[in-house]
Amino acid sequence: MQPDLSAVHQLLDTPQSAEDIEQAIVKELYTVQDVVRYCVSCFSAHHIFVGHGTDNYWDEALEIVQAVMHLQPPCDESTLSSRLTLSERRLIAKLITLRIFKRLPVPYLTHRAFFCGHQFYVDDRVIIPRSPIAELIEQGFSPYLDRNPERVLDMCTGSGCIAIAIALHFDEDTQVDAVDISPEALEVANINIEGYGLENQVTPILSDLFAALPKGDKYDLIVANPPYVDERDLNEMPEEYRAEPALSLGSGRDGLDCARRILAQASDYLNDDGVLIMEVGNSAEALNDAFPQVPFHFIDLKKGGTGVFLLGAEQLKAYTDLFKAAAKEAEHGC
């Protein structure tokens, strides 16, 4: 007969107060491993949600500790056995309690996020980088591009992580325009552009999608990661996501308002052999339902993530009238 451990489990899952957590970290724990292990228990007891750069409590806690130590991942055994100073433990305790009781995503606490192996500054003016498009950038968009693109448009750039990662992957002959409707987001993008010394290669542009782009501008590649969360998912999102700019998440009843507008205009800005790559996430099914006659090529991503599709310039032109008619339903700013 198995022993009844329900009382023990209930005790272990009892949430602690902010004061108790801070006291334990500051006064009772000393090594990185001790602090991380304890934080995992606290995260579990308080049922926080992870999904902004990590997918488990251990990595979530470890990122906070490493950021305080000014270390980048991955973590090795020598780091885990390192003793933390009193000031480090005090700062970690403060960040952990903010993570738990304010439900703030870790990148907003540490002001750093990783994308395509590069570190980016982030704060609550931008959505936290996590796009599966990273895999395509690391592959140089092969086999969809057979040469280095001369001009790339990153639509809805946010922190600028996609635009910058593209510029870093290719050489300085690849020029990237980084577009966003939010002046605040472009302030963050500028921090990252300047941080990588890419002022002559990545150009931030304030625009409601294509509205402020010169007519006749042509690109070899348009990469779009627009808002694509539908009303239902937006209402059911964990609290951590509500810390992100609403402008970066929701896009109408079915999540496709911005996507429709991009599809309606993209062919006007692509070279004849150009390609549009767009992420629509969980709204992929709604996209197929809205345009059953369009042969969207959804890319099989080996590292995880779904809802990234590709259309060539000729395909976009063939369905332009259809896309433009549908876009009339989404004429409000995205």
Protein backbone atom coordinates (compact mmCIF):
# COMPACT_ATOMS: atom_id res chain seq x y z
CA MET A 1 0.00 0.00 0.00
CA GLN A 2 1.40 3.38 -1.04
CA PRO A 3 1.71 5.99 1.74
CA ASP A 4 -0.60 8.98 1.58
CA LEU A 5 1.67 11.92 0.77
CA SER A 6 -1.09 14.42 0.01
CA ALA A 7 -0.40 16.37 3.19
CA VAL A 8 3.29 16.62 2.32
CA HIS A 9 2.54 17.73 -1.24
CA GLN A 10 0.10 20.32 0.06
CA LEU A 11 2.75 21.68 2.40
CA LEU A 12 5.33 21.85 -0.40
CA ASP A 13 2.86 23.63 -2.69
CA THR A 14 1.91 26.25 -0.11
CA PRO A 15 2.80 29.65 -1.56
CA GLN A 16 5.17 31.72 0.53
CA SER A 17 4.93 35.45 1.03
CA ALA A 18 7.29 37.89 -0.65
CA GLU A 19 8.91 38.56 2.71
CA ASP A 20 9.51 34.84 3.34
CA ILE A 21 11.01 34.37 -0.12
CA GLU A 22 13.33 37.35 0.22
CA GLN A 23 14.46 36.28 3.66
CA ALA A 24 15.23 32.74 2.53
CA ILE A 25 17.28 33.87 -0.47
CA VAL A 26 19.18 36.57 1.40
CA LYS A 27 19.82 34.81 4.70
CA GLU A 28 19.67 31.04 4.10
CA LEU A 29 20.99 30.32 0.59
CA TYR A 30 24.49 30.89 -0.74
CA THR A 31 25.29 29.09 -4.00
CA VAL A 32 23.75 29.52 -7.43
CA GLN A 33 22.36 26.00 -7.32
CA ASP A 34 20.78 26.54 -3.89
CA VAL A 35 19.06 29.76 -5.02
CA VAL A 36 17.87 28.35 -8.34
CA ARG A 37 16.51 25.19 -6.72
CA TYR A 38 14.61 27.22 -4.14
CA CYS A 39 13.22 29.58 -6.80
CA VAL A 40 11.94 26.61 -8.80
CA SER A 41 9.96 25.52 -5.75
CA CYS A 42 8.55 29.03 -5.33
CA PHE A 43 7.58 29.28 -9.00
CA SER A 44 5.83 25.93 -8.80
CA ALA A 45 3.93 26.83 -5.63
CA HIS A 46 2.73 30.09 -7.17
CA HIS A 47 1.95 28.53 -10.57
CA ILE A 48 3.66 31.17 -12.65
CA PHE A 49 3.56 30.83 -16.45
CA VAL A 50 6.75 30.53 -18.51
CA GLY A 51 6.98 31.18 -22.23
CA HIS A 52 9.08 34.31 -22.76
CA GLY A 53 12.41 32.74 -23.55
CA THR A 54 12.22 29.64 -21.35
CA ASP A 55 9.86 26.67 -21.10
CA ASN A 56 10.62 25.44 -17.58
CA TYR A 57 11.06 26.80 -14.07
CA TRP A 58 14.75 25.85 -13.76
CA ASP A 59 15.82 27.85 -16.82
CA GLU A 60 13.54 30.70 -15.74
CA ALA A 61 15.22 30.98 -12.34
CA LEU A 62 18.69 30.41 -13.77
CA GLU A 63 18.30 33.27 -16.24
CA ILE A 64 17.50 35.69 -13.41
CA VAL A 65 20.53 34.56 -11.42
CA GLN A 66 22.88 34.63 -14.41
CA ALA A 67 21.69 38.08 -15.43
CA VAL A 68 22.46 39.41 -11.95
CA MET A 69 25.91 37.81 -12.22
CA HIS A 70 26.38 39.36 -15.69
CA LEU A 71 26.79 35.89 -17.19
CA GLN A 72 25.34 34.60 -20.43
CA PRO A 73 23.91 31.12 -20.95
CA PRO A 74 24.69 28.29 -21.03
CA CYS A 75 25.49 27.59 -17.40
CA ASP A 76 28.28 25.17 -16.41
CA GLU A 77 28.94 23.22 -13.23
CA SER A 78 31.40 25.78 -11.91
CA THR A 79 28.73 28.47 -12.09
CA LEU A 80 26.21 26.34 -10.22
CA SER A 81 28.65 25.84 -7.35
CA SER A 82 29.63 29.52 -7.19
CA ARG A 83 28.76 31.45 -4.03
CA LEU A 84 26.64 34.56 -4.49
CA THR A 85 27.48 37.80 -2.71
CA LEU A 86 25.01 39.40 -0.33
CA SER A 87 24.22 42.20 -2.79
CA GLU A 88 23.63 39.65 -5.55
CA ARG A 89 21.23 37.65 -3.35
CA ARG A 90 19.34 40.81 -2.42
CA LEU A 91 18.86 41.76 -6.07
CA ILE A 92 17.88 38.22 -7.04
CA ALA A 93 15.33 38.15 -4.22
CA LYS A 94 13.80 41.40 -5.45
CA LEU A 95 13.56 40.13 -9.03
CA ILE A 96 12.11 36.78 -7.99
CA THR A 97 9.36 38.40 -5.96
CA LEU A 98 8.53 40.76 -8.83
CA ARG A 99 8.40 37.75 -11.15
CA ILE A 100 5.99 35.93 -8.85
CA PHE A 101 3.76 38.64 -7.44
CA LYS A 102 3.68 41.07 -10.38
CA ARG A 103 3.73 38.28 -12.99
CA LEU A 104 6.34 40.20 -15.01
CA PRO A 105 8.20 38.19 -17.67
CA VAL A 106 11.88 37.67 -16.88
CA PRO A 107 13.21 39.69 -19.87
CA TYR A 108 11.42 42.78 -18.54
CA LEU A 109 13.19 42.27 -15.21
CA THR A 110 16.66 41.60 -16.63
CA HIS A 111 16.27 43.85 -19.72
CA ARG A 112 17.77 41.20 -21.92
CA ALA A 113 16.50 38.57 -24.34
CA PHE A 114 18.26 36.17 -26.68
CA PHE A 115 17.38 35.65 -30.34
CA CYS A 116 19.42 33.83 -33.00
CA GLY A 117 22.22 33.55 -30.46
CA HIS A 118 22.41 37.33 -29.97
CA GLN A 119 21.49 39.37 -26.91
CA PHE A 120 19.00 42.23 -27.19
CA TYR A 121 17.86 44.97 -24.86
CA VAL A 122 14.11 44.78 -24.12
CA ASP A 123 11.61 46.52 -21.89
CA ASP A 124 7.83 46.82 -21.80
CA ARG A 125 7.77 49.04 -24.89
CA VAL A 126 8.25 45.96 -27.07
CA ILE A 127 7.09 42.38 -27.33
CA ILE A 128 9.66 39.88 -26.06
CA PRO A 129 11.60 38.15 -28.89
CA ARG A 130 10.54 34.52 -29.38
CA SER A 131 9.71 34.12 -33.07
CA PRO A 132 10.45 30.74 -34.71
CA ILE A 133 11.57 32.79 -37.74
CA ALA A 134 14.95 32.66 -35.98
CA GLU A 135 15.49 29.20 -37.46
CA LEU A 136 15.06 30.54 -41.00
CA ILE A 137 17.47 33.41 -40.37
CA GLU A 138 20.12 30.99 -39.12
CA GLN A 139 19.70 29.04 -42.37
CA GLY A 140 20.02 32.19 -44.48
CA PHE A 141 16.42 31.55 -45.59
CA SER A 142 17.64 28.58 -47.61
CA PRO A 143 16.20 27.04 -49.76
CA TYR A 144 13.74 29.91 -50.27
CA LEU A 145 16.44 32.42 -51.23
CA ASP A 146 19.26 31.37 -53.55
CA ARG A 147 21.41 34.46 -52.95
CA ASN A 148 22.13 37.08 -50.34
CA PRO A 149 19.28 39.60 -50.39
CA GLU A 150 20.25 43.17 -51.20
CA ARG A 151 17.20 44.71 -49.51
CA VAL A 152 15.08 43.24 -46.73
CA LEU A 153 11.97 44.64 -45.06
CA ASP A 154 11.27 43.61 -41.46
CA MET A 155 7.61 44.46 -40.87
CA CYS A 156 6.49 45.05 -37.26
CA THR A 157 10.08 45.06 -36.02
CA GLY A 158 9.49 45.68 -32.30
CA SER A 159 12.88 45.36 -30.59
CA GLY A 160 14.55 45.07 -33.98
CA CYS A 161 15.75 41.54 -33.23
CA ILE A 162 14.73 40.06 -36.60
CA ALA A 163 16.15 42.96 -38.63
CA ILE A 164 19.41 42.91 -36.68
CA ALA A 165 19.77 39.12 -36.80
CA ILE A 166 19.31 39.25 -40.59
CA ALA A 167 21.92 42.00 -40.92
CA LEU A 168 24.37 40.05 -38.77
CA HIS A 169 23.84 36.85 -40.75
CA PHE A 170 24.47 38.42 -44.14
CA ASP A 171 27.21 40.88 -45.06
CA GLU A 172 27.08 44.69 -45.05
CA ASP A 173 25.69 44.72 -48.60
CA THR A 174 22.32 43.57 -47.21
CA GLN A 175 20.28 46.62 -46.24
CA VAL A 176 17.39 46.10 -43.84
CA ASP A 177 14.44 48.44 -43.24
CA ALA A 178 12.84 47.91 -39.82
CA VAL A 179 9.23 49.14 -39.73
CA ASP A 180 6.95 49.64 -36.75
CA ILE A 181 3.89 51.77 -35.96
CA SER A 182 5.07 52.39 -32.39
CA PRO A 183 7.57 55.23 -31.74
CA GLU A 184 8.30 53.63 -28.37
CA ALA A 185 9.17 50.31 -29.99
CA LEU A 186 11.51 52.04 -32.42
CA GLU A 187 13.29 53.68 -29.48
CA VAL A 188 14.14 50.18 -28.25
CA ALA A 189 15.05 49.04 -31.76
CA ASN A 190 17.45 51.98 -32.00
CA ILE A 191 19.14 50.94 -28.76
CA ASN A 192 19.81 47.52 -30.27
CA ILE A 193 20.82 48.84 -33.70
CA GLU A 194 23.35 51.17 -32.11
CA GLY A 195 24.49 48.45 -29.73
CA TYR A 196 25.53 46.31 -32.70
CA GLY A 197 26.92 49.24 -34.68
CA LEU A 198 24.48 48.67 -37.54
CA GLU A 199 23.33 52.25 -38.10
CA ASN A 200 24.50 52.09 -41.73
CA GLN A 201 22.81 48.76 -42.42
CA VAL A 202 19.52 48.70 -40.46
CA THR A 203 17.14 51.63 -40.87
CA PRO A 204 14.22 52.05 -38.41
CA ILE A 205 11.09 53.48 -40.04
CA LEU A 206 7.97 54.74 -38.28
CA SER A 207 5.03 53.54 -40.37
CA ASP A 208 1.61 51.91 -40.14
CA LEU A 209 2.68 48.87 -42.17
CA PHE A 210 3.48 50.12 -45.71
CA ALA A 211 1.88 53.56 -45.34
CA ALA A 212 5.08 55.61 -44.97
CA LEU A 213 7.23 53.58 -47.37
CA PRO A 214 8.05 55.27 -50.69
CA LYS A 215 6.03 54.00 -53.62
CA GLY A 216 8.19 51.92 -55.90
CA ASP A 217 10.48 50.64 -53.17
CA LYS A 218 11.31 47.00 -53.86
CA TYR A 219 12.67 44.29 -51.60
CA ASP A 220 14.09 40.83 -52.18
CA LEU A 221 12.59 39.62 -48.92
CA ILE A 222 9.80 40.81 -46.65
CA VAL A 223 9.71 39.24 -43.20
CA ALA A 224 6.57 40.01 -41.21
CA ASN A 225 5.80 39.12 -37.61
CA PRO A 226 2.61 41.14 -37.09
CA PRO A 227 0.15 40.94 -34.20
CA TYR A 228 -1.89 37.78 -34.76
CA VAL A 229 -3.66 36.82 -31.52
CA ASP A 230 -7.43 36.42 -31.93
CA GLU A 231 -9.98 37.77 -29.48
CA ARG A 232 -10.55 34.47 -27.70
CA ASP A 233 -6.87 33.73 -27.12
CA LEU A 234 -6.26 37.33 -26.11
CA ASN A 235 -8.91 37.09 -23.40
CA GLU A 236 -7.56 33.76 -22.13
CA MET A 237 -3.87 34.63 -22.11
CA PRO A 238 -1.84 34.11 -18.92
CA GLU A 239 -1.22 37.28 -16.95
CA GLU A 240 2.45 37.42 -18.02
CA TYR A 241 1.43 38.24 -21.59
CA ARG A 242 -0.64 41.20 -20.42
CA ALA A 243 2.60 42.92 -19.48
CA GLU A 244 3.45 43.15 -23.18
CA PRO A 245 2.13 45.98 -25.41
CA ALA A 246 -1.43 45.18 -26.46
CA LEU A 247 -0.61 46.68 -29.85
CA SER A 248 1.85 43.83 -30.42
CA LEU A 249 -0.56 41.01 -29.70
CA GLY A 250 -4.22 41.35 -30.72
CA SER A 251 -5.32 41.80 -34.31
CA GLY A 252 -9.09 41.59 -34.56
CA ARG A 253 -11.64 38.86 -34.06
CA ASP A 254 -9.69 36.15 -35.89
CA GLY A 255 -6.20 37.59 -35.37
CA LEU A 256 -5.70 38.38 -39.05
CA ASP A 257 -6.45 42.10 -39.43
CA CYS A 258 -2.80 43.06 -39.90
CA ALA A 259 -1.98 39.95 -41.90
CA ARG A 260 -4.71 40.79 -44.42
CA ARG A 261 -3.36 44.29 -44.92
CA ILE A 262 0.19 43.00 -45.42
CA LEU A 263 -0.98 40.41 -47.94
CA ALA A 264 -2.92 43.09 -49.84
CA GLN A 265 0.15 45.30 -50.33
CA ALA A 266 3.21 43.07 -50.18
CA SER A 267 3.35 42.38 -53.93
CA ASP A 268 3.75 46.12 -54.60
CA TYR A 269 7.01 46.08 -52.61
CA LEU A 270 8.58 42.81 -53.76
CA ASN A 271 10.95 42.24 -56.63
CA ASP A 272 9.71 39.76 -59.23
CA ASP A 273 11.64 36.93 -57.58
CA GLY A 274 11.00 38.22 -54.07
CA VAL A 275 9.51 36.31 -51.16
CA LEU A 276 7.17 37.14 -48.28
CA ILE A 277 7.62 35.18 -45.05
CA MET A 278 5.02 35.84 -42.38
CA GLU A 279 4.26 34.44 -38.93
CA VAL A 280 0.62 34.06 -37.93
CA GLY A 281 1.02 31.53 -35.11
CA ASN A 282 -2.20 29.98 -33.85
CA SER A 283 -4.18 31.95 -36.43
CA ALA A 284 -2.85 29.73 -39.24
CA GLU A 285 -6.08 27.73 -39.32
CA ALA A 286 -8.12 30.92 -39.56
CA LEU A 287 -5.89 32.09 -42.44
CA ASN A 288 -6.48 28.89 -44.38
CA ASP A 289 -10.22 29.15 -43.70
CA ALA A 290 -10.27 32.77 -44.86
CA PHE A 291 -8.37 32.05 -48.09
CA PRO A 292 -8.93 28.38 -48.98
CA GLN A 293 -7.92 28.98 -52.60
CA VAL A 294 -4.47 30.40 -51.74
CA PRO A 295 -1.56 27.90 -51.67
CA PHE A 296 0.10 29.11 -48.47
CA HIS A 297 3.32 27.16 -47.89
CA PHE A 298 3.60 26.63 -44.14
CA ILE A 299 7.21 25.90 -43.29
CA ASP A 300 8.16 22.80 -41.31
CA LEU A 301 10.30 24.21 -38.52
CA LYS A 302 12.67 21.70 -36.98
CA LYS A 303 13.29 23.65 -33.77
CA GLY A 304 9.63 24.07 -32.91
CA GLY A 305 7.03 26.70 -33.57
CA THR A 306 4.22 26.80 -36.08
CA GLY A 307 2.31 29.22 -38.25
CA VAL A 308 5.09 30.59 -40.45
CA PHE A 309 4.22 30.64 -44.15
CA LEU A 310 5.80 31.70 -47.43
CA LEU A 311 4.40 33.20 -50.62
CA GLY A 312 6.36 34.28 -53.68
CA ALA A 313 5.82 37.57 -55.50
CA GLU A 314 3.96 35.92 -58.37
CA GLN A 315 1.61 34.12 -55.98
CA LEU A 316 0.89 37.38 -54.16
CA LYS A 317 0.13 39.14 -57.44
CA ALA A 318 -2.21 36.34 -58.52
CA TYR A 319 -4.35 36.82 -55.41
CA THR A 320 -3.95 40.58 -54.93
CA ASP A 321 -7.60 41.39 -55.67
CA LEU A 322 -8.73 38.77 -53.19
CA PHE A 323 -6.38 40.07 -50.50
CA LYS A 324 -7.33 43.70 -51.09
CA ALA A 325 -11.04 42.93 -50.82
CA ALA A 326 -10.44 41.12 -47.54
CA ALA A 327 -8.25 43.92 -46.21
CA LYS A 328 -11.13 46.37 -46.33
CA GLU A 329 -12.42 44.63 -43.23
CA ALA A 330 -9.24 45.58 -41.38
CA GLU A 331 -8.71 49.23 -42.20
CA HIS A 332 -8.03 50.34 -38.60
CA GLY A 333 -4.39 50.86 -37.64
CA CYS A 334 -2.40 47.83 -36.58
